[in-house]
Amino acid sequence: MPCEIWTLGRAAYADAWALQNQLSDARSRDAAPDRLLLVEHPHTYTLGSSGHEDYVLLTPEERQQRGVTLFRVDRGGDVTYHGPGQIVGYPILKLPRDHQLRANVIGYVRKLEQVIIATLTDYGIAARGIAGLTGVWVDTPRGEEKIAAIGVRVNVKAVTKHGFALNVNTDLSYFDGIIPCGIRDKGVTSMAALLGAAVDVSDVRQRIIQHFGGVFGCEMVETTPDWRHV
């Protein structure tokens, strides 16, 4: 099965969210193929559908001073941060369904974790999932720290939205303004922090694409969409 790659560059969160909704609707009607959107956002905090506002530690005034926007969105999970130096992936996929027409959402999330783990392995970073938690984690001298967050939504047609956020060269100080994913006892890290130097984001992006195709068994097709006029 083909999966189109849409590389959006840097895009405002609201614009990318609106695009996801359009493409998800088209995929739900079988009017479009599977797609993987790859994007970088300006400084943004997002709260999942069951997210706790008290996990956002910065006041509205402090967020304005730091140039951070806040959105409550329709994905699972709690609060997270998106910003420059981070690769955010939004797969718009129609998942297979069993004989009871149910999609394996947990299995889908595990596959997203596999994509990120395989990508990090290419850089010599040993990463893993943690039982009972979502996302990708690494061991550091400070303990277990999250390097990639995952939060998804799957609609009644088994079509996915939202996805993953991998910290590549991310300014980790912005995570101090939240309690990431509502987890108080584990920190957050990035590829650059672990490797001691900035990482080529375009190279990481290509490795994500490669591993995404391998894990999901699809042919990744490069496209150049005029996505702002979809």
Protein backbone atom coordinates (compact mmCIF):
# COMPACT_ATOMS: atom_id res chain seq x y z
CA MET A 1 0.00 0.00 0.00
CA PRO A 2 1.32 3.48 -0.82
CA CYS A 3 1.66 6.14 1.87
CA GLU A 4 2.23 9.72 0.76
CA ILE A 5 4.80 11.80 2.63
CA TRP A 6 3.80 15.41 3.17
CA THR A 7 6.71 17.49 4.50
CA LEU A 8 5.13 20.72 5.71
CA GLY A 9 8.18 22.59 7.02
CA ARG A 10 7.35 24.91 9.94
CA ALA A 11 3.62 25.41 10.33
CA ALA A 12 1.40 26.94 12.98
CA TYR A 13 -0.30 24.28 15.07
CA ALA A 14 -3.79 25.48 14.15
CA ASP A 15 -3.02 25.21 10.43
CA ALA A 16 -1.64 21.66 10.75
CA TRP A 17 -4.60 20.60 12.89
CA ALA A 18 -7.07 21.93 10.32
CA LEU A 19 -5.17 20.07 7.60
CA GLN A 20 -5.30 16.84 9.60
CA ASN A 21 -9.05 17.17 9.93
CA GLN A 22 -9.47 17.69 6.18
CA LEU A 23 -7.24 14.76 5.24
CA SER A 24 -8.77 12.51 7.89
CA ASP A 25 -12.23 13.21 6.50
CA ALA A 26 -11.05 12.42 2.97
CA ARG A 27 -9.38 9.19 4.12
CA SER A 28 -12.54 8.21 6.01
CA ARG A 29 -14.48 8.50 2.73
CA ASP A 30 -11.81 6.49 0.89
CA ALA A 31 -11.25 9.63 -1.20
CA ALA A 32 -7.52 9.81 -0.39
CA PRO A 33 -4.58 7.48 0.33
CA ASP A 34 -2.75 6.97 3.60
CA ARG A 35 -0.46 9.87 4.39
CA LEU A 36 2.30 10.80 6.83
CA LEU A 37 2.58 14.52 7.62
CA LEU A 38 5.94 15.68 8.98
CA VAL A 39 6.08 19.15 10.47
CA GLU A 40 7.82 21.47 12.90
CA HIS A 41 5.73 23.82 15.04
CA PRO A 42 6.42 27.13 16.74
CA HIS A 43 6.30 27.01 20.55
CA THR A 44 3.03 25.27 21.45
CA TYR A 45 1.48 23.42 24.37
CA THR A 46 -1.34 20.98 23.62
CA LEU A 47 -3.73 19.38 26.08
CA GLY A 48 -5.33 16.06 25.20
CA SER A 49 -9.05 15.45 25.52
CA SER A 50 -8.67 14.38 29.15
CA GLY A 51 -5.72 16.69 29.89
CA HIS A 52 -5.42 18.57 33.17
CA GLU A 53 -5.06 22.33 32.86
CA ASP A 54 -3.19 22.45 36.17
CA TYR A 55 -0.36 20.55 34.46
CA VAL A 56 0.28 23.77 32.50
CA LEU A 57 2.49 25.64 34.95
CA LEU A 58 2.96 28.91 33.05
CA THR A 59 0.31 31.61 33.39
CA PRO A 60 -1.28 33.07 30.25
CA GLU A 61 0.93 36.12 30.69
CA GLU A 62 4.08 34.00 30.98
CA ARG A 63 3.08 31.99 27.91
CA GLN A 64 2.60 35.21 25.97
CA GLN A 65 6.02 36.46 27.06
CA ARG A 66 7.64 33.23 25.87
CA GLY A 67 5.62 33.10 22.65
CA VAL A 68 3.78 29.88 23.53
CA THR A 69 0.26 29.14 22.28
CA LEU A 70 -2.04 26.64 24.04
CA PHE A 71 -4.57 24.31 22.41
CA ARG A 72 -6.95 21.69 23.77
CA VAL A 73 -7.18 18.99 21.13
CA ASP A 74 -9.00 15.73 20.44
CA ARG A 75 -6.18 13.25 21.03
CA GLY A 76 -5.46 10.94 23.90
CA GLY A 77 -2.90 11.81 26.54
CA ASP A 78 -2.28 14.86 28.66
CA VAL A 79 -0.17 17.97 28.06
CA THR A 80 2.90 18.11 25.85
CA TYR A 81 5.12 20.65 24.10
CA HIS A 82 5.85 21.17 20.41
CA GLY A 83 8.49 23.53 19.11
CA PRO A 84 11.51 24.21 16.90
CA GLY A 85 14.03 21.40 16.65
CA GLN A 86 11.35 18.75 17.07
CA ILE A 87 9.99 16.41 14.37
CA VAL A 88 6.25 15.98 14.68
CA GLY A 89 4.56 13.22 12.69
CA TYR A 90 0.85 13.01 11.94
CA PRO A 91 -0.07 9.73 10.23
CA ILE A 92 -3.45 9.81 8.49
CA LEU A 93 -3.93 6.06 8.08
CA LYS A 94 -6.90 3.74 7.77
CA LEU A 95 -6.13 0.93 10.20
CA PRO A 96 -7.19 -2.67 9.54
CA ARG A 97 -10.22 -3.80 11.54
CA ASP A 98 -11.06 -7.19 12.99
CA HIS A 99 -14.23 -9.17 12.40
CA GLN A 100 -15.99 -6.98 14.96
CA LEU A 101 -14.89 -3.88 13.01
CA ARG A 102 -12.53 -2.76 15.77
CA ALA A 103 -9.10 -1.30 15.11
CA ASN A 104 -6.13 -2.29 17.28
CA VAL A 105 -5.32 1.17 18.61
CA ILE A 106 -2.82 -0.04 21.21
CA GLY A 107 -1.02 -2.05 18.54
CA TYR A 108 -0.91 1.07 16.36
CA VAL A 109 0.69 3.08 19.17
CA ARG A 110 3.25 0.33 19.73
CA LYS A 111 4.14 0.50 16.02
CA LEU A 112 4.71 4.25 16.27
CA GLU A 113 7.04 3.57 19.18
CA GLN A 114 8.88 0.99 17.06
CA VAL A 115 9.44 3.56 14.30
CA ILE A 116 11.05 5.99 16.74
CA ILE A 117 13.09 3.30 18.51
CA ALA A 118 14.48 2.08 15.18
CA THR A 119 15.33 5.65 14.16
CA LEU A 120 17.18 6.30 17.41
CA THR A 121 19.05 3.00 17.07
CA ASP A 122 20.55 4.37 13.84
CA TYR A 123 22.22 7.03 15.99
CA GLY A 124 23.45 4.64 18.65
CA ILE A 125 20.73 5.68 21.10
CA ALA A 126 19.21 2.76 23.02
CA ALA A 127 15.52 3.57 23.45
CA ARG A 128 12.49 1.56 24.54
CA GLY A 129 8.90 1.65 25.62
CA ILE A 130 7.88 1.42 29.27
CA ALA A 131 5.03 -0.88 30.31
CA GLY A 132 1.98 1.14 31.26
CA LEU A 133 3.25 4.34 29.66
CA THR A 134 3.09 5.72 26.13
CA GLY A 135 6.04 7.16 24.24
CA VAL A 136 9.72 6.36 23.80
CA TRP A 137 12.18 6.49 26.69
CA VAL A 138 15.92 6.37 27.32
CA ASP A 139 18.03 5.76 30.39
CA THR A 140 20.14 8.72 31.54
CA PRO A 141 22.21 9.50 34.65
CA ARG A 142 19.09 11.30 35.92
CA GLY A 143 16.89 8.24 35.40
CA GLU A 144 14.38 7.35 32.69
CA GLU A 145 13.58 10.29 30.41
CA LYS A 146 11.15 10.66 27.54
CA ILE A 147 12.58 11.47 24.12
CA ALA A 148 9.38 11.10 22.08
CA ALA A 149 5.75 11.67 23.02
CA ILE A 150 2.82 9.89 21.36
CA GLY A 151 -0.86 10.81 21.43
CA VAL A 152 -3.43 9.67 18.87
CA ARG A 153 -7.07 9.67 17.94
CA VAL A 154 -8.77 6.98 15.85
CA ASN A 155 -12.25 7.73 14.50
CA VAL A 156 -15.18 5.38 13.85
CA LYS A 157 -13.81 4.67 10.37
CA ALA A 158 -10.50 3.52 11.95
CA VAL A 159 -8.67 6.56 10.55
CA THR A 160 -5.86 8.04 12.65
CA LYS A 161 -4.97 11.62 13.57
CA HIS A 162 -2.27 13.24 15.69
CA GLY A 163 0.78 11.06 16.27
CA PHE A 164 4.34 11.46 17.61
CA ALA A 165 6.83 14.18 18.52
CA LEU A 166 10.55 13.35 18.59
CA ASN A 167 12.89 15.75 20.37
CA VAL A 168 15.88 16.23 18.09
CA ASN A 169 17.42 19.66 18.82
CA THR A 170 14.57 20.84 21.02
CA ASP A 171 14.97 23.61 23.63
CA LEU A 172 14.07 21.47 26.62
CA SER A 173 13.51 24.48 28.89
CA TYR A 174 10.00 24.80 27.47
CA PHE A 175 9.09 21.50 29.12
CA ASP A 176 9.68 23.25 32.47
CA GLY A 177 6.43 25.12 31.84
CA ILE A 178 4.36 21.93 32.01
CA ILE A 179 4.20 18.56 33.71
CA PRO A 180 4.81 16.56 30.53
CA CYS A 181 2.06 13.96 29.99
CA GLY A 182 1.19 14.42 33.66
CA ILE A 183 4.25 12.40 34.75
CA ARG A 184 6.01 14.13 37.64
CA ASP A 185 8.87 11.72 38.34
CA LYS A 186 10.47 11.39 34.89
CA GLY A 187 12.31 13.95 32.83
CA VAL A 188 12.51 14.81 29.15
CA THR A 189 15.53 14.71 26.85
CA SER A 190 16.52 15.11 23.20
CA MET A 191 18.83 13.51 20.67
CA ALA A 192 21.14 16.53 20.85
CA ALA A 193 21.31 16.34 24.64
CA LEU A 194 22.21 12.65 24.51
CA LEU A 195 24.74 12.97 21.68
CA GLY A 196 26.31 16.22 22.87
CA ALA A 197 25.82 18.04 19.56
CA ALA A 198 23.08 19.26 17.23
CA VAL A 199 21.68 16.62 14.88
CA ASP A 200 20.79 17.01 11.19
CA VAL A 201 16.98 17.16 11.33
CA SER A 202 16.57 16.34 7.64
CA ASP A 203 18.58 13.15 8.10
CA VAL A 204 16.45 12.12 11.08
CA ARG A 205 13.34 12.84 9.04
CA GLN A 206 14.49 10.53 6.23
CA ARG A 207 15.24 7.75 8.69
CA ILE A 208 11.77 8.12 10.23
CA ILE A 209 10.25 7.80 6.76
CA GLN A 210 12.31 4.69 6.03
CA HIS A 211 11.41 2.98 9.30
CA PHE A 212 7.76 4.03 9.07
CA GLY A 213 7.50 2.24 5.73
CA GLY A 214 9.18 -0.84 7.18
CA VAL A 215 7.09 -1.06 10.36
CA PHE A 216 3.75 -0.36 8.65
CA GLY A 217 4.56 -2.32 5.49
CA CYS A 218 3.82 0.51 3.09
CA GLU A 219 5.56 2.14 0.15
CA MET A 220 6.56 5.69 1.11
CA VAL A 221 5.86 8.09 -1.75
CA GLU A 222 7.45 11.56 -1.71
CA THR A 223 5.03 14.35 -2.64
CA THR A 224 5.20 18.15 -2.91
CA PRO A 225 1.66 19.21 -2.00
CA ASP A 226 0.50 22.82 -1.98
CA TRP A 227 -0.93 21.97 1.42
CA ARG A 228 -1.91 25.52 2.41
CA HIS A 229 -4.49 25.46 -0.39
CA VAL A 230 -5.94 22.00 0.14
